[in-house]
Amino acid sequence: MTMNYTHFSDLEKEAQPPDKGILSRTLFNDDRLKVVLFGFAQAEELSEHTASMPAVLHFLQGQAKLTLADDTLDATPGTWVHMPAGLRHSIQAKTPVVMLLLLLK
């Protein structure tokens, strides 16, 4: 019996940051999980917002300013954050950034 699976050997290569703007690519989506890979150009920003479901941010490349509620943190490669639904957050790329977003349905 063959089982279906999704495989990426190098996530950073799947979303190289653009020269301008923000690139997003959905890598996986089912009834329990949505996986989106983001590439941010330097100085690009996702303004403050909330998500209706719990989420995980995993920074793969670059440096960003990450705001979670009233806390401001530096995000670098390897930074991993679990956020409950409804948490205010924003992301500002200090350098080109690659970030993986997991939305837990």
Protein backbone atom coordinates (compact mmCIF):
# COMPACT_ATOMS: atom_id res chain seq x y z
CA MET A 1 0.00 0.00 0.00
CA THR A 2 1.37 3.40 -0.99
CA MET A 3 0.87 6.30 1.43
CA ASN A 4 0.84 9.87 0.15
CA TYR A 5 3.28 12.31 1.67
CA THR A 6 4.72 15.75 1.00
CA HIS A 7 8.49 16.24 0.87
CA PHE A 8 10.75 19.27 0.39
CA SER A 9 14.50 18.70 0.64
CA ASP A 10 15.36 22.40 1.19
CA LEU A 11 12.63 24.80 2.31
CA GLU A 12 14.83 27.88 1.93
CA LYS A 13 15.11 27.24 -1.82
CA GLU A 14 11.32 27.00 -2.14
CA ALA A 15 10.81 30.71 -1.30
CA GLN A 16 13.85 32.80 -2.01
CA PRO A 17 13.07 36.34 -0.83
CA PRO A 18 12.13 38.67 -3.69
CA ASP A 19 13.92 41.98 -4.34
CA LYS A 20 10.70 43.80 -3.39
CA GLY A 21 7.54 42.67 -1.65
CA ILE A 22 6.50 39.47 0.06
CA LEU A 23 6.23 36.07 -1.61
CA SER A 24 3.95 33.43 -0.09
CA ARG A 25 3.55 29.85 -1.27
CA THR A 26 1.17 27.28 0.20
CA LEU A 27 3.10 24.02 0.50
CA PHE A 28 0.39 21.90 2.12
CA ASN A 29 -3.28 22.26 3.05
CA ASP A 30 -5.70 19.73 4.48
CA ASP A 31 -8.47 19.70 7.09
CA ARG A 32 -6.00 19.91 10.03
CA LEU A 33 -2.98 21.89 8.81
CA LYS A 34 -2.04 24.64 6.37
CA VAL A 35 1.65 25.24 5.66
CA VAL A 36 2.74 28.49 4.01
CA LEU A 37 6.31 29.48 3.17
CA PHE A 38 7.07 33.22 3.08
CA GLY A 39 9.92 35.14 1.50
CA PHE A 40 10.24 38.76 2.64
CA ALA A 41 12.37 41.38 0.90
CA GLN A 42 14.44 43.50 3.25
CA ALA A 43 12.32 46.12 5.08
CA GLU A 44 9.00 44.48 4.13
CA GLU A 45 6.43 44.14 6.89
CA LEU A 46 3.29 42.23 7.77
CA SER A 47 1.42 44.78 9.85
CA GLU A 48 -0.20 43.82 13.15
CA HIS A 49 -2.95 41.23 12.78
CA THR A 50 -4.39 38.14 14.47
CA ALA A 51 -5.08 34.60 13.29
CA SER A 52 -8.32 32.77 13.96
CA MET A 53 -6.43 29.55 14.73
CA PRO A 54 -3.24 28.59 16.58
CA ALA A 55 -0.09 29.03 14.50
CA VAL A 56 3.62 28.25 14.50
CA LEU A 57 6.28 30.55 13.02
CA HIS A 58 9.66 29.06 12.13
CA PHE A 59 12.31 31.44 10.78
CA LEU A 60 14.68 29.74 8.34
CA GLN A 61 16.76 32.61 6.97
CA GLY A 62 17.48 36.27 7.74
CA GLN A 63 16.69 38.60 10.61
CA ALA A 64 13.34 40.13 11.53
CA LYS A 65 11.67 42.13 14.25
CA LEU A 66 8.80 40.06 15.60
CA THR A 67 6.09 41.61 17.75
CA LEU A 68 3.92 39.26 19.82
CA ALA A 69 1.23 41.14 21.77
CA ASP A 70 3.28 43.74 23.72
CA ASP A 71 6.66 41.97 23.32
CA THR A 72 9.21 42.78 20.62
CA LEU A 73 11.73 40.05 19.81
CA ASP A 74 14.55 39.46 17.34
CA ALA A 75 13.90 36.52 15.02
CA THR A 76 16.90 34.79 13.45
CA PRO A 77 17.36 31.42 11.72
CA GLY A 78 16.05 28.76 14.08
CA THR A 79 13.58 31.03 15.90
CA TRP A 80 10.38 29.06 16.58
CA VAL A 81 7.17 30.47 18.05
CA HIS A 82 3.81 28.90 18.90
CA MET A 83 0.98 31.46 18.98
CA PRO A 84 -2.52 30.86 20.33
CA ALA A 85 -5.48 31.97 18.22
CA GLY A 86 -6.18 35.69 18.53
CA LEU A 87 -2.64 36.79 19.50
CA ARG A 88 -1.71 40.16 17.99
CA HIS A 89 1.52 39.91 16.01
CA SER A 90 3.56 41.58 13.26
CA ILE A 91 6.78 40.86 11.37
CA GLN A 92 9.28 43.33 9.94
CA ALA A 93 12.19 41.98 7.87
CA LYS A 94 15.54 43.58 8.76
CA THR A 95 17.22 41.50 6.03
CA PRO A 96 15.75 39.20 3.40
CA VAL A 97 13.79 36.57 5.39
CA VAL A 98 12.39 33.08 4.77
CA MET A 99 9.74 31.98 7.28
CA LEU A 100 7.53 28.90 7.54
CA LEU A 101 3.98 29.38 8.87
CA LEU A 102 1.96 26.43 10.18
CA LEU A 103 -1.74 27.11 10.75
CA LEU A 104 -3.25 24.48 13.05
CA LYS A 105 -6.90 23.97 12.16
